[in-house]
C-alpha atoms as a PDB file:
ATOM      1  CA  MET A   1     129.954  14.403 112.747  1.00  0.00           C
ATOM      2  CA  SER A   2     132.136  15.128 109.772  1.00  0.00           C
ATOM      3  CA  SER A   3     131.575  18.091 107.536  1.00  0.00           C
ATOM      4  CA  ASP A   4     130.605  15.644 104.779  1.00  0.00           C
ATOM      5  CA  SER A   5     127.631  14.320 106.743  1.00  0.00           C
ATOM      6  CA  ASP A   6     125.140  17.039 107.443  1.00  0.00           C
ATOM      7  CA  ILE A   7     122.341  17.123 109.992  1.00  0.00           C
ATOM      8  CA  SER A   8     118.833  16.825 108.637  1.00  0.00           C
ATOM      9  CA  TYR A   9     115.333  16.605 110.035  1.00  0.00           C
ATOM     10  CA  THR A  10     112.091  15.550 108.449  1.00  0.00           C
ATOM     11  CA  ARG A  11     109.135  17.878 108.400  1.00  0.00           C
ATOM     12  CA  GLN A  12     107.308  15.551 110.801  1.00  0.00           C
ATOM     13  CA  GLU A  13     110.186  15.555 113.302  1.00  0.00           C
ATOM     14  CA  LEU A  14     110.050  19.343 113.387  1.00  0.00           C
ATOM     15  CA  LEU A  15     106.289  19.455 113.764  1.00  0.00           C
ATOM     16  CA  ASP A  16     106.452  16.951 116.628  1.00  0.00           C
ATOM     17  CA  TYR A  17     108.665  19.270 118.686  1.00  0.00           C
ATOM     18  CA  LEU A  18     107.288  22.709 117.809  1.00  0.00           C
ATOM     19  CA  PRO A  19     105.514  24.627 120.570  1.00  0.00           C
ATOM     20  CA  ALA A  20     101.728  24.932 120.229  1.00  0.00           C
ATOM     21  CA  GLY A  21     100.798  27.516 117.628  1.00  0.00           C
ATOM     22  CA  TRP A  22     104.215  27.522 115.946  1.00  0.00           C
ATOM     23  CA  MET A  23     104.713  26.411 112.344  1.00  0.00           C
ATOM     24  CA  LEU A  24     107.288  26.195 109.622  1.00  0.00           C
ATOM     25  CA  GLU A  25     107.624  29.555 107.881  1.00  0.00           C
ATOM     26  CA  ASP A  26     107.940  27.771 104.527  1.00  0.00           C
ATOM     27  CA  ARG A  27     105.666  24.745 104.614  1.00  0.00           C
ATOM     28  CA  SER A  28     107.377  23.204 101.597  1.00  0.00           C
ATOM     29  CA  THR A  29     110.778  22.814 103.276  1.00  0.00           C
ATOM     30  CA  ALA A  30     112.058  21.389 106.534  1.00  0.00           C
ATOM     31  CA  GLY A  31     115.185  23.507 106.775  1.00  0.00           C
ATOM     32  CA  ALA A  32     118.611  23.072 105.254  1.00  0.00           C
ATOM     33  CA  TRP A  33     122.229  22.446 106.115  1.00  0.00           C
ATOM     34  CA  ASN A  34     124.460  25.534 105.999  1.00  0.00           C
ATOM     35  CA  PRO A  35     127.990  24.231 105.315  1.00  0.00           C
ATOM     36  CA  ARG A  36     129.591  27.653 105.797  1.00  0.00           C
ATOM     37  CA  GLN A  37     128.208  27.964 109.334  1.00  0.00           C
ATOM     38  CA  GLY A  38     128.404  24.242 110.145  1.00  0.00           C
ATOM     39  CA  ARG A  39     124.798  24.095 111.268  1.00  0.00           C
ATOM     40  CA  TRP A  40     121.289  23.199 110.201  1.00  0.00           C
ATOM     41  CA  GLU A  41     118.837  26.103 109.889  1.00  0.00           C
ATOM     42  CA  VAL A  42     115.112  26.626 109.530  1.00  0.00           C
ATOM     43  CA  THR A  43     112.773  29.602 109.913  1.00  0.00           C
ATOM     44  CA  LEU A  44     109.804  29.119 112.221  1.00  0.00           C
ATOM     45  CA  ARG A  45     106.769  31.330 112.747  1.00  0.00           C
ATOM     46  CA  ASP A  46     105.047  31.745 116.097  1.00  0.00           C
ATOM     47  CA  ILE A  47     101.348  32.279 116.731  1.00  0.00           C
ATOM     48  CA  ALA A  48     101.807  36.087 116.456  1.00  0.00           C
ATOM     49  CA  ASP A  49     103.372  35.713 112.959  1.00  0.00           C
ATOM     50  CA  VAL A  50     106.867  36.554 114.213  1.00  0.00           C
ATOM     51  CA  ASP A  51     109.669  34.709 112.440  1.00  0.00           C
ATOM     52  CA  TRP A  52     112.358  32.947 114.467  1.00  0.00           C
ATOM     53  CA  GLU A  53     115.557  31.351 113.173  1.00  0.00           C
ATOM     54  CA  LEU A  54     116.340  27.928 114.608  1.00  0.00           C
ATOM     55  CA  HIS A  55     119.964  26.783 114.364  1.00  0.00           C
ATOM     56  CA  ILE A  56     121.332  23.399 115.355  1.00  0.00           C
ATOM     57  CA  ASP A  57     125.081  23.245 115.586  1.00  0.00           C
ATOM     58  CA  GLU A  58     126.904  20.217 114.213  1.00  0.00           C
ATOM     59  CA  LYS A  59     128.893  19.816 117.448  1.00  0.00           C
ATOM     60  CA  ALA A  60     125.735  19.904 119.610  1.00  0.00           C
ATOM     61  CA  ALA A  61     124.126  17.202 117.480  1.00  0.00           C
ATOM     62  CA  ALA A  62     127.247  15.053 117.631  1.00  0.00           C
ATOM     63  CA  LYS A  63     127.451  15.393 121.402  1.00  0.00           C
ATOM     64  CA  ALA A  64     123.792  15.078 122.448  1.00  0.00           C
ATOM     65  CA  GLY A  65     122.299  13.260 119.492  1.00  0.00           C
ATOM     66  CA  ARG A  66     120.313  14.580 116.597  1.00  0.00           C
ATOM     67  CA  ILE A  67     116.846  14.591 118.205  1.00  0.00           C
ATOM     68  CA  GLU A  68     118.042  15.814 121.617  1.00  0.00           C
ATOM     69  CA  ALA A  69     119.864  18.681 119.878  1.00  0.00           C
ATOM     70  CA  LEU A  70     116.604  19.596 118.121  1.00  0.00           C
ATOM     71  CA  ARG A  71     114.614  19.481 121.360  1.00  0.00           C
ATOM     72  CA  SER A  72     117.195  21.530 123.226  1.00  0.00           C
ATOM     73  CA  ALA A  73     117.500  24.173 120.504  1.00  0.00           C
ATOM     74  CA  LEU A  74     113.720  24.540 120.259  1.00  0.00           C
ATOM     75  CA  ASP A  75     113.394  24.830 124.036  1.00  0.00           C
ATOM     76  CA  LYS A  76     116.022  27.570 124.114  1.00  0.00           C
ATOM     77  CA  LEU A  77     114.377  29.445 121.225  1.00  0.00           C
ATOM     78  CA  TYR A  78     110.915  29.169 122.800  1.00  0.00           C
ATOM     79  CA  ARG A  79     112.175  30.533 126.116  1.00  0.00           C
ATOM     80  CA  GLN A  80     113.809  33.406 124.229  1.00  0.00           C
ATOM     81  CA  ALA A  81     110.489  34.083 122.481  1.00  0.00           C
ATOM     82  CA  LEU A  82     108.681  34.170 125.819  1.00  0.00           C
ATOM     83  CA  GLY A  83     111.138  36.819 126.974  1.00  0.00           C
ATOM     84  CA  GLY A  84     112.235  35.074 130.151  1.00  0.00           C
ATOM     85  CA  PRO A  85     113.896  32.047 131.633  1.00  0.00           C
ATOM     86  CA  GLY A  86     110.753  29.952 131.320  1.00  0.00           C
ATOM     87  CA  LEU A  87     107.246  29.491 132.591  1.00  0.00           C
ATOM     88  CA  PHE A  88     108.267  27.866 135.861  1.00  0.00           C
ATOM     89  CA  GLY A  89     111.676  29.261 136.620  1.00  0.00           C
END
Protein backbone atom coordinates (compact mmCIF):
# COMPACT_ATOMS: atom_id res chain seq x y z
CA MET A 1 0.00 0.00 0.00
CA SER A 2 1.31 3.43 -0.83
CA SER A 3 1.30 6.24 1.65
CA ASP A 4 -1.30 7.97 -0.54
CA SER A 5 -3.83 5.17 -0.06
CA ASP A 6 -4.77 4.78 3.56
CA ILE A 7 -6.43 1.86 5.30
CA SER A 8 -10.02 2.37 6.36
CA TYR A 9 -12.75 0.31 7.95
CA THR A 10 -16.46 0.88 8.19
CA ARG A 11 -18.17 1.00 11.54
CA GLN A 12 -19.95 -2.27 10.71
CA GLU A 13 -16.70 -4.06 9.86
CA LEU A 14 -15.34 -3.11 13.27
CA LEU A 15 -18.47 -4.17 15.10
CA ASP A 16 -18.45 -7.52 13.30
CA TYR A 17 -15.02 -8.38 14.71
CA LEU A 18 -15.16 -6.87 18.20
CA PRO A 19 -15.16 -9.28 21.14
CA ALA A 20 -18.46 -9.61 23.03
CA GLY A 21 -19.05 -6.63 25.28
CA TRP A 22 -16.55 -4.38 23.49
CA MET A 23 -17.61 -1.20 21.68
CA LEU A 24 -16.24 1.80 19.89
CA GLU A 25 -15.17 4.44 22.41
CA ASP A 26 -16.56 7.16 20.13
CA ARG A 27 -19.69 5.79 18.49
CA SER A 28 -19.67 8.53 15.86
CA THR A 29 -16.35 7.51 14.30
CA ALA A 30 -14.82 4.30 13.03
CA GLY A 31 -11.20 5.27 13.55
CA ALA A 32 -8.81 7.25 11.39
CA TRP A 33 -5.63 6.97 9.38
CA ASN A 34 -2.53 8.37 11.10
CA PRO A 35 -0.14 9.34 8.27
CA ARG A 36 2.71 10.15 10.66
CA GLN A 37 2.67 6.64 12.14
CA GLY A 38 1.65 4.88 8.91
CA ARG A 39 -1.23 3.08 10.57
CA TRP A 40 -4.96 3.15 11.15
CA GLU A 41 -6.09 3.78 14.74
CA VAL A 42 -9.25 3.53 16.79
CA THR A 43 -10.04 3.54 20.51
CA LEU A 44 -12.15 0.66 21.79
CA ARG A 45 -13.80 0.19 25.17
CA ASP A 46 -14.16 -3.18 26.86
CA ILE A 47 -17.01 -4.35 29.08
CA ALA A 48 -15.23 -2.95 32.18
CA ASP A 49 -15.03 0.55 30.57
CA VAL A 50 -11.28 0.28 29.98
CA ASP A 51 -10.06 1.98 26.81
CA TRP A 52 -7.78 0.11 24.41
CA GLU A 53 -5.98 1.51 21.37
CA LEU A 54 -6.18 -0.64 18.25
CA HIS A 55 -3.52 -0.03 15.60
CA ILE A 56 -3.33 -1.63 12.18
CA ASP A 57 -0.04 -1.16 10.42
CA GLU A 58 -0.01 -0.36 6.72
CA LYS A 59 2.53 -3.12 6.03
CA ALA A 60 0.44 -5.75 7.87
CA ALA A 61 -2.63 -4.81 5.84
CA ALA A 62 -0.68 -4.94 2.59
CA LYS A 63 0.74 -8.35 3.44
CA ALA A 64 -2.27 -10.14 4.96
CA GLY A 65 -5.15 -8.15 3.52
CA ARG A 66 -7.23 -5.45 5.07
CA ILE A 67 -9.79 -7.64 6.89
CA GLU A 68 -7.27 -10.27 8.01
CA ALA A 69 -5.09 -7.48 9.44
CA LEU A 70 -8.11 -6.21 11.39
CA ARG A 71 -8.94 -9.68 12.72
CA SER A 72 -5.34 -10.36 13.69
CA ALA A 73 -4.87 -7.01 15.43
CA LEU A 74 -8.11 -7.41 17.38
CA ASP A 75 -7.17 -10.95 18.42
CA LYS A 76 -3.79 -9.74 19.68
CA LEU A 77 -5.37 -6.83 21.57
CA TYR A 78 -8.04 -9.06 23.13
CA ARG A 79 -5.43 -11.55 24.33
CA GLN A 80 -3.46 -8.66 25.82
CA ALA A 81 -6.62 -7.48 27.59
CA LEU A 82 -7.18 -10.94 29.03
CA GLY A 83 -3.68 -10.81 30.47
CA GLY A 84 -2.45 -14.07 28.98
CA PRO A 85 -1.72 -15.99 25.83
CA GLY A 86 -5.37 -16.89 25.33
CA LEU A 87 -8.24 -18.89 26.69
CA PHE A 88 -7.00 -22.22 25.35
CA GLY A 89 -3.26 -21.88 25.20
